[in-house]
């Protein structure tokens, strides 16, 4: 399981350069997976389980997703019904 401390994430808008510099690698993979088409809920569930050892809805998964949504980097898009990464 990858370690995650949301307090350590920068609070600036997400750029491709910032995305590529983020640690751990699992965080980069999650954000890169959300680019373009985004992730359907089953794809996000699989990625969280495989890379992070987390189940969707667990406190740890909720903390991860909340930290990314708070920064407006990764959030649910109801129109597309996908989790999407937002640059800029």
N, C-alpha and C. Protein backbone atom coordinates (compact mmCIF):
# COMPACT_ATOMS: atom_id res chain seq x y z
N UNK A 1 0.84 -1.18 0.00
CA UNK A 1 0.00 0.00 0.00
C UNK A 1 0.88 1.25 0.00
N UNK A 2 0.54 2.20 -0.84
CA UNK A 2 1.27 3.46 -0.91
C UNK A 2 0.90 4.32 0.29
N UNK A 3 1.86 5.07 0.76
CA UNK A 3 1.55 5.99 1.86
C UNK A 3 1.06 7.30 1.28
N UNK A 4 0.19 7.96 2.05
CA UNK A 4 -0.38 9.21 1.57
C UNK A 4 -0.60 10.14 2.73
N UNK A 5 -0.11 11.37 2.58
CA UNK A 5 -0.36 12.41 3.56
C UNK A 5 -0.84 13.63 2.78
N UNK A 6 -2.16 13.83 2.79
CA UNK A 6 -2.76 14.92 2.03
C UNK A 6 -2.24 16.28 2.43
N UNK A 7 -1.80 16.43 3.67
CA UNK A 7 -1.28 17.72 4.12
C UNK A 7 0.02 18.09 3.41
N UNK A 8 0.72 17.10 2.87
CA UNK A 8 1.98 17.35 2.18
C UNK A 8 1.80 17.77 0.72
N UNK A 9 0.57 17.67 0.20
CA UNK A 9 0.34 18.04 -1.19
C UNK A 9 0.37 19.55 -1.35
N UNK A 10 0.98 20.04 -2.43
CA UNK A 10 0.94 21.47 -2.68
C UNK A 10 -0.49 21.94 -2.91
N UNK A 11 -0.74 23.20 -2.69
CA UNK A 11 -2.09 23.75 -2.86
C UNK A 11 -2.22 24.57 -4.14
N UNK A 12 -1.32 24.40 -5.05
CA UNK A 12 -1.36 25.14 -6.31
C UNK A 12 -2.15 24.36 -7.35
N UNK A 13 -2.59 25.03 -8.42
CA UNK A 13 -3.27 24.31 -9.49
C UNK A 13 -2.36 23.21 -10.06
N UNK A 14 -2.98 22.15 -10.49
CA UNK A 14 -2.23 21.01 -11.02
C UNK A 14 -1.78 21.30 -12.44
N UNK A 15 -0.50 21.17 -12.68
CA UNK A 15 0.08 21.28 -14.02
C UNK A 15 0.69 19.92 -14.35
N UNK A 16 1.01 19.71 -15.60
CA UNK A 16 1.63 18.44 -15.99
C UNK A 16 2.98 18.30 -15.29
N UNK A 17 3.73 19.38 -15.17
CA UNK A 17 5.02 19.33 -14.47
C UNK A 17 4.86 18.94 -13.02
N UNK A 18 3.88 19.52 -12.35
CA UNK A 18 3.63 19.17 -10.95
C UNK A 18 3.18 17.72 -10.84
N UNK A 19 2.28 17.31 -11.73
CA UNK A 19 1.79 15.92 -11.70
C UNK A 19 2.97 14.94 -11.79
N UNK A 20 3.89 15.22 -12.69
CA UNK A 20 5.02 14.31 -12.90
C UNK A 20 6.01 14.31 -11.74
N UNK A 21 5.94 15.33 -10.87
CA UNK A 21 6.87 15.40 -9.74
C UNK A 21 6.26 14.86 -8.44
N UNK A 22 4.98 14.54 -8.44
CA UNK A 22 4.32 14.08 -7.22
C UNK A 22 4.78 12.69 -6.80
N UNK A 23 4.83 12.49 -5.51
CA UNK A 23 5.13 11.19 -4.93
C UNK A 23 3.97 10.80 -4.03
N UNK A 24 3.69 9.56 -3.89
CA UNK A 24 4.33 8.38 -4.45
C UNK A 24 3.91 8.14 -5.91
N UNK A 25 4.57 7.21 -6.57
CA UNK A 25 4.23 6.91 -7.97
C UNK A 25 2.75 6.54 -8.15
N UNK A 26 2.16 5.93 -7.14
CA UNK A 26 0.75 5.54 -7.23
C UNK A 26 -0.15 6.77 -7.38
N UNK A 27 0.25 7.88 -6.77
CA UNK A 27 -0.52 9.12 -6.90
C UNK A 27 -0.43 9.64 -8.33
N UNK A 28 0.74 9.61 -8.91
CA UNK A 28 0.90 10.02 -10.31
C UNK A 28 0.04 9.14 -11.22
N UNK A 29 0.07 7.84 -10.98
CA UNK A 29 -0.70 6.91 -11.80
C UNK A 29 -2.21 7.19 -11.69
N UNK A 30 -2.68 7.46 -10.48
CA UNK A 30 -4.09 7.77 -10.27
C UNK A 30 -4.47 9.03 -11.06
N UNK A 31 -3.68 10.09 -10.92
CA UNK A 31 -3.99 11.34 -11.60
C UNK A 31 -3.86 11.21 -13.12
N UNK A 32 -2.84 10.50 -13.60
CA UNK A 32 -2.68 10.30 -15.04
C UNK A 32 -3.84 9.49 -15.60
N UNK A 33 -4.34 8.54 -14.82
CA UNK A 33 -5.47 7.72 -15.28
C UNK A 33 -6.74 8.54 -15.44
N UNK A 34 -6.85 9.63 -14.69
CA UNK A 34 -8.03 10.47 -14.76
C UNK A 34 -8.00 11.51 -15.86
N UNK A 35 -6.88 11.63 -16.56
CA UNK A 35 -6.79 12.58 -17.67
C UNK A 35 -7.62 12.08 -18.85
N UNK A 36 -7.94 12.96 -19.74
CA UNK A 36 -8.69 12.69 -20.96
C UNK A 36 -10.07 12.13 -20.66
N UNK A 37 -10.28 10.83 -20.77
CA UNK A 37 -11.63 10.27 -20.60
C UNK A 37 -12.04 10.14 -19.14
N UNK A 38 -11.09 10.07 -18.24
CA UNK A 38 -11.41 9.88 -16.83
C UNK A 38 -11.57 8.40 -16.49
N UNK A 39 -11.95 8.16 -15.25
CA UNK A 39 -12.10 6.78 -14.76
C UNK A 39 -13.55 6.52 -14.38
N UNK A 40 -14.09 5.43 -14.88
CA UNK A 40 -15.41 4.98 -14.44
C UNK A 40 -15.25 4.44 -13.01
N UNK A 41 -16.31 4.45 -12.22
CA UNK A 41 -16.20 3.97 -10.84
C UNK A 41 -15.53 2.59 -10.70
N UNK A 42 -15.86 1.59 -11.54
CA UNK A 42 -15.15 0.31 -11.39
C UNK A 42 -13.65 0.40 -11.64
N UNK A 43 -13.25 1.28 -12.56
CA UNK A 43 -11.83 1.47 -12.85
C UNK A 43 -11.13 2.11 -11.66
N UNK A 44 -11.78 3.09 -11.04
CA UNK A 44 -11.22 3.72 -9.84
C UNK A 44 -11.11 2.71 -8.71
N UNK A 45 -12.14 1.92 -8.51
CA UNK A 45 -12.12 0.89 -7.47
C UNK A 45 -10.95 -0.06 -7.66
N UNK A 46 -10.75 -0.50 -8.91
CA UNK A 46 -9.65 -1.42 -9.20
C UNK A 46 -8.30 -0.76 -8.94
N UNK A 47 -8.13 0.48 -9.38
CA UNK A 47 -6.87 1.19 -9.19
C UNK A 47 -6.59 1.39 -7.70
N UNK A 48 -7.60 1.81 -6.93
CA UNK A 48 -7.40 1.99 -5.48
C UNK A 48 -7.02 0.69 -4.81
N UNK A 49 -7.66 -0.38 -5.20
CA UNK A 49 -7.37 -1.68 -4.59
C UNK A 49 -5.98 -2.17 -4.97
N UNK A 50 -5.66 -2.07 -6.27
CA UNK A 50 -4.39 -2.59 -6.79
C UNK A 50 -3.20 -1.76 -6.32
N UNK A 51 -3.26 -0.44 -6.47
CA UNK A 51 -2.11 0.42 -6.18
C UNK A 51 -2.02 0.85 -4.72
N UNK A 52 -3.15 1.03 -4.08
CA UNK A 52 -3.17 1.61 -2.73
C UNK A 52 -3.57 0.61 -1.66
N UNK A 53 -4.13 -0.55 -2.05
CA UNK A 53 -4.61 -1.50 -1.06
C UNK A 53 -5.83 -0.98 -0.33
N UNK A 54 -6.62 -0.14 -1.00
CA UNK A 54 -7.78 0.51 -0.37
C UNK A 54 -9.07 0.07 -1.04
N UNK A 55 -10.12 0.03 -0.26
CA UNK A 55 -11.45 -0.23 -0.78
C UNK A 55 -12.18 1.10 -0.89
N UNK A 56 -12.93 1.27 -1.96
CA UNK A 56 -13.74 2.48 -2.13
C UNK A 56 -14.68 2.61 -0.92
N UNK A 57 -14.78 3.81 -0.40
CA UNK A 57 -15.63 4.05 0.75
C UNK A 57 -14.93 3.88 2.09
N UNK A 58 -13.69 3.37 2.07
CA UNK A 58 -12.94 3.25 3.32
C UNK A 58 -12.49 4.65 3.74
N UNK A 59 -12.24 4.86 5.04
CA UNK A 59 -11.78 6.18 5.49
C UNK A 59 -10.52 6.66 4.76
N UNK A 60 -9.60 5.74 4.50
CA UNK A 60 -8.35 6.11 3.82
C UNK A 60 -8.61 6.53 2.38
N UNK A 61 -9.46 5.79 1.67
CA UNK A 61 -9.79 6.15 0.29
C UNK A 61 -10.54 7.47 0.26
N UNK A 62 -11.46 7.66 1.19
CA UNK A 62 -12.21 8.92 1.26
C UNK A 62 -11.27 10.10 1.53
N UNK A 63 -10.28 9.90 2.40
CA UNK A 63 -9.31 10.96 2.71
C UNK A 63 -8.50 11.31 1.47
N UNK A 64 -8.03 10.31 0.75
CA UNK A 64 -7.27 10.53 -0.48
C UNK A 64 -8.09 11.31 -1.49
N UNK A 65 -9.30 10.85 -1.78
CA UNK A 65 -10.13 11.50 -2.78
C UNK A 65 -10.55 12.90 -2.35
N UNK A 66 -10.81 13.09 -1.06
CA UNK A 66 -11.19 14.41 -0.54
C UNK A 66 -10.03 15.41 -0.69
N UNK A 67 -8.80 14.97 -0.40
CA UNK A 67 -7.63 15.86 -0.53
C UNK A 67 -7.44 16.28 -1.98
N UNK A 68 -7.64 15.36 -2.90
CA UNK A 68 -7.48 15.68 -4.32
C UNK A 68 -8.62 16.56 -4.82
N UNK A 69 -9.84 16.30 -4.36
CA UNK A 69 -10.99 17.12 -4.75
C UNK A 69 -10.89 18.53 -4.17
N UNK A 70 -10.38 18.64 -2.93
CA UNK A 70 -10.22 19.94 -2.30
C UNK A 70 -9.30 20.84 -3.12
N UNK A 71 -8.30 20.24 -3.73
CA UNK A 71 -7.35 20.99 -4.56
C UNK A 71 -7.85 21.14 -5.99
N UNK A 72 -9.01 20.54 -6.27
CA UNK A 72 -9.63 20.54 -7.59
C UNK A 72 -8.76 19.85 -8.63
N UNK A 73 -8.02 18.84 -8.20
CA UNK A 73 -7.16 18.07 -9.09
C UNK A 73 -7.89 16.86 -9.66
N UNK A 74 -8.74 16.24 -8.85
CA UNK A 74 -9.38 14.97 -9.23
C UNK A 74 -10.74 14.94 -8.56
N UNK A 75 -11.79 14.89 -9.38
CA UNK A 75 -13.12 14.90 -8.79
C UNK A 75 -14.13 14.21 -9.71
N UNK A 76 -15.27 13.92 -9.14
CA UNK A 76 -16.35 13.25 -9.85
C UNK A 76 -17.00 14.23 -10.82
N UNK A 77 -17.19 13.80 -12.06
CA UNK A 77 -17.88 14.59 -13.07
C UNK A 77 -19.23 13.91 -13.32
N UNK A 78 -20.32 14.47 -12.79
CA UNK A 78 -21.62 13.81 -12.92
C UNK A 78 -22.12 13.70 -14.36
N UNK A 79 -21.78 14.66 -15.22
CA UNK A 79 -22.22 14.59 -16.62
C UNK A 79 -21.58 13.41 -17.34
N UNK A 80 -20.29 13.23 -17.13
CA UNK A 80 -19.57 12.13 -17.79
C UNK A 80 -19.66 10.83 -17.00
N UNK A 81 -20.10 10.93 -15.74
CA UNK A 81 -20.15 9.78 -14.83
C UNK A 81 -18.78 9.12 -14.71
N UNK A 82 -17.79 9.97 -14.53
CA UNK A 82 -16.40 9.52 -14.40
C UNK A 82 -15.66 10.40 -13.45
N UNK A 83 -14.59 9.85 -12.85
CA UNK A 83 -13.65 10.60 -12.05
C UNK A 83 -12.63 11.19 -13.00
N UNK A 84 -12.42 12.52 -12.92
CA UNK A 84 -11.55 13.17 -13.89
C UNK A 84 -10.49 14.01 -13.18
N UNK A 85 -9.32 14.04 -13.80
CA UNK A 85 -8.22 14.90 -13.36
C UNK A 85 -8.35 16.23 -14.09
N UNK A 86 -8.13 17.31 -13.33
CA UNK A 86 -8.26 18.66 -13.89
C UNK A 86 -6.93 19.40 -13.76
N UNK A 87 -6.37 19.77 -14.88
CA UNK A 87 -5.16 20.58 -14.90
C UNK A 87 -5.54 22.05 -14.89
N UNK A 88 -4.63 22.85 -14.34
CA UNK A 88 -4.82 24.29 -14.40
C UNK A 88 -5.59 24.82 -13.30
